[in-house]
Protein backbone atom coordinates (compact mmCIF):
# COMPACT_ATOMS: atom_id res chain seq x y z
CA UNK A 1 13.94 -32.86 48.31
CA UNK A 2 11.90 -30.93 45.56
CA UNK A 3 12.68 -27.73 47.37
CA UNK A 4 16.40 -28.12 47.92
CA UNK A 5 18.79 -25.28 46.46
CA UNK A 6 20.37 -25.97 43.06
CA UNK A 7 23.30 -28.34 42.89
CA UNK A 8 26.17 -26.55 41.83
CA UNK A 9 28.08 -29.81 41.29
CA UNK A 10 31.95 -29.10 40.99
CA UNK A 11 31.40 -25.51 41.36
CA UNK A 12 29.76 -25.95 45.16
CA UNK A 13 31.66 -23.30 47.41
CA UNK A 14 33.86 -21.71 44.67
CA UNK A 15 33.84 -18.07 44.05
CA UNK A 16 32.58 -17.16 40.38
CA UNK A 17 36.17 -15.90 39.16
CA UNK A 18 37.61 -19.52 40.19
CA UNK A 19 34.73 -21.17 38.31
CA UNK A 20 35.21 -19.03 35.24
CA UNK A 21 39.07 -19.81 35.44
CA UNK A 22 38.36 -23.49 36.02
CA UNK A 23 35.50 -24.28 33.88
CA UNK A 24 35.08 -21.50 31.50
CA UNK A 25 33.05 -22.66 28.73
CA UNK A 26 30.46 -24.44 31.23
CA UNK A 27 30.44 -21.18 33.16
CA UNK A 28 29.78 -19.20 29.70
CA UNK A 29 27.07 -21.55 28.75
CA UNK A 30 25.64 -21.61 32.20
CA UNK A 31 25.47 -17.78 32.61
CA UNK A 32 23.88 -17.64 28.96
CA UNK A 33 21.05 -20.15 29.69
CA UNK A 34 20.91 -21.85 32.84
CA UNK A 35 17.76 -23.30 32.25
CA UNK A 36 19.26 -25.94 29.82
CA UNK A 37 23.06 -25.66 30.95
CA UNK A 38 24.00 -27.23 34.16
CA UNK A 39 27.07 -26.08 36.21
CA UNK A 40 29.66 -28.62 35.51
CA UNK A 41 28.33 -31.75 37.27
CA UNK A 42 25.19 -30.12 38.55
CA UNK A 43 21.55 -29.02 37.80
CA UNK A 44 19.99 -27.41 35.04
CA UNK A 45 17.05 -24.84 35.76
CA UNK A 46 14.44 -26.94 34.04
CA UNK A 47 15.28 -29.82 36.37
CA UNK A 48 14.56 -27.75 39.60
CA UNK A 49 11.58 -26.30 37.77
CA UNK A 50 10.33 -30.06 37.03
CA UNK A 51 11.04 -31.30 40.89
CA UNK A 52 9.61 -28.24 42.41
CA UNK A 53 6.22 -28.26 40.29
CA UNK A 54 5.69 -31.76 41.66
CA UNK A 55 5.62 -30.27 45.24
CA UNK A 56 3.64 -27.52 44.29
CA UNK A 57 1.17 -30.39 42.68
CA UNK A 58 1.18 -32.39 45.70
CA UNK A 59 0.51 -29.35 47.91
CA UNK A 60 -2.50 -28.31 45.79
CA UNK A 61 -4.04 -32.07 45.97
CA UNK A 62 -3.21 -32.32 49.52
CA UNK A 63 -4.37 -28.96 50.71
CA UNK A 64 -7.06 -27.61 48.08
CA UNK A 65 -7.76 -24.52 50.22
CA UNK A 66 -5.98 -22.35 52.79
CA UNK A 67 -2.59 -20.89 53.11
CA UNK A 68 0.82 -23.00 52.92
CA UNK A 69 4.15 -21.68 53.66
CA UNK A 70 6.84 -23.07 51.70
CA UNK A 71 10.51 -22.44 52.65
CA UNK A 72 13.31 -22.82 50.14
CA UNK A 73 16.37 -21.12 48.51
CA UNK A 74 16.89 -17.99 46.37
CA UNK A 75 17.29 -19.89 42.77
CA UNK A 76 14.80 -22.60 43.51
CA UNK A 77 12.18 -19.78 44.36
CA UNK A 78 12.98 -17.69 41.44
CA UNK A 79 12.62 -21.01 39.26
CA UNK A 80 9.44 -21.97 40.93
CA UNK A 81 8.07 -18.55 40.29
CA UNK A 82 9.12 -18.57 36.70
CA UNK A 83 7.53 -21.83 36.15
CA UNK A 84 4.43 -20.75 37.72
CA UNK A 85 3.90 -17.48 35.88
CA UNK A 86 5.11 -18.74 32.53
CA UNK A 87 8.48 -16.82 32.35
CA UNK A 88 11.61 -18.51 30.61
CA UNK A 89 13.20 -20.73 33.18
CA UNK A 90 16.63 -19.80 31.67
CA UNK A 91 15.93 -16.10 32.62
CA UNK A 92 15.38 -16.52 36.34
CA UNK A 93 18.25 -14.36 37.52
CA UNK A 94 17.27 -11.61 35.00
CA UNK A 95 13.85 -11.42 35.23
CA UNK A 96 13.34 -12.05 39.38
CA UNK A 97 15.08 -10.56 42.04
CA UNK A 98 15.26 -12.66 45.33
CA UNK A 99 17.13 -11.34 48.02
CA UNK A 100 17.89 -13.59 51.17
CA UNK A 101 15.11 -13.83 53.94
CA UNK A 102 12.31 -12.58 51.44
CA UNK A 103 8.80 -13.49 51.26
CA UNK A 104 6.73 -14.09 47.98
CA UNK A 105 2.79 -14.67 47.99
CA UNK A 106 1.19 -16.51 45.09
CA UNK A 107 -2.36 -17.40 44.96
CA UNK A 108 -3.23 -20.81 43.38
CA UNK A 109 -6.63 -20.47 42.09
CA UNK A 110 -8.80 -21.82 39.25
CA UNK A 111 -7.80 -19.26 37.01
CA UNK A 112 -4.02 -20.04 37.53
CA UNK A 113 -1.12 -18.51 39.98
CA UNK A 114 -1.53 -14.90 40.87
CA UNK A 115 1.61 -13.19 42.40
CA UNK A 116 0.26 -10.82 45.10
CA UNK A 117 3.78 -10.29 46.79
CA UNK A 118 7.25 -10.33 45.44
CA UNK A 119 10.49 -10.44 47.69
CA UNK A 120 9.03 -8.58 50.54
CA UNK A 121 11.53 -8.14 53.50
CA UNK A 122 9.61 -5.84 55.80
CA UNK A 123 9.66 -8.44 58.43
CA UNK A 124 13.56 -7.95 58.47
CA UNK A 125 15.10 -4.94 60.67
CA UNK A 126 16.79 -2.23 58.59
CA UNK A 127 20.34 -3.65 59.20
CA UNK A 128 19.52 -6.87 57.71
CA UNK A 129 17.50 -5.51 54.64
CA UNK A 130 20.67 -3.17 53.91
CA UNK A 131 23.15 -6.09 54.43
CA UNK A 132 25.39 -6.99 51.49
CA UNK A 133 24.53 -10.35 49.91
CA UNK A 134 20.87 -10.14 50.77
């Protein structure tokens, strides 16, 4: 639950143009600062940061050493990385690129999170790496 994708509420499954037409003011607020503004009936970035941080904390407590694989969704991963690295949650789309199928590596140490790899897709063949929307 803590790693699920952002809840888009009434915007779920709608194209950005449709959302802009039907929920213009909410859409503009969300584009401006998705950390503190939710999609209509959806979830704010800070709420995603809060729930995903709880998962990270549980993992750290349960597995104090070793490698852990976390699988999630693009927005959630970007928000988690912002939270871990001290980047404003509201800038997650502006500061971190996260294409579909990407792998990022973060070391959680006594000195804090250290980003080793961001959005690597070398495991995908060229066709998938160059596909539109990924």
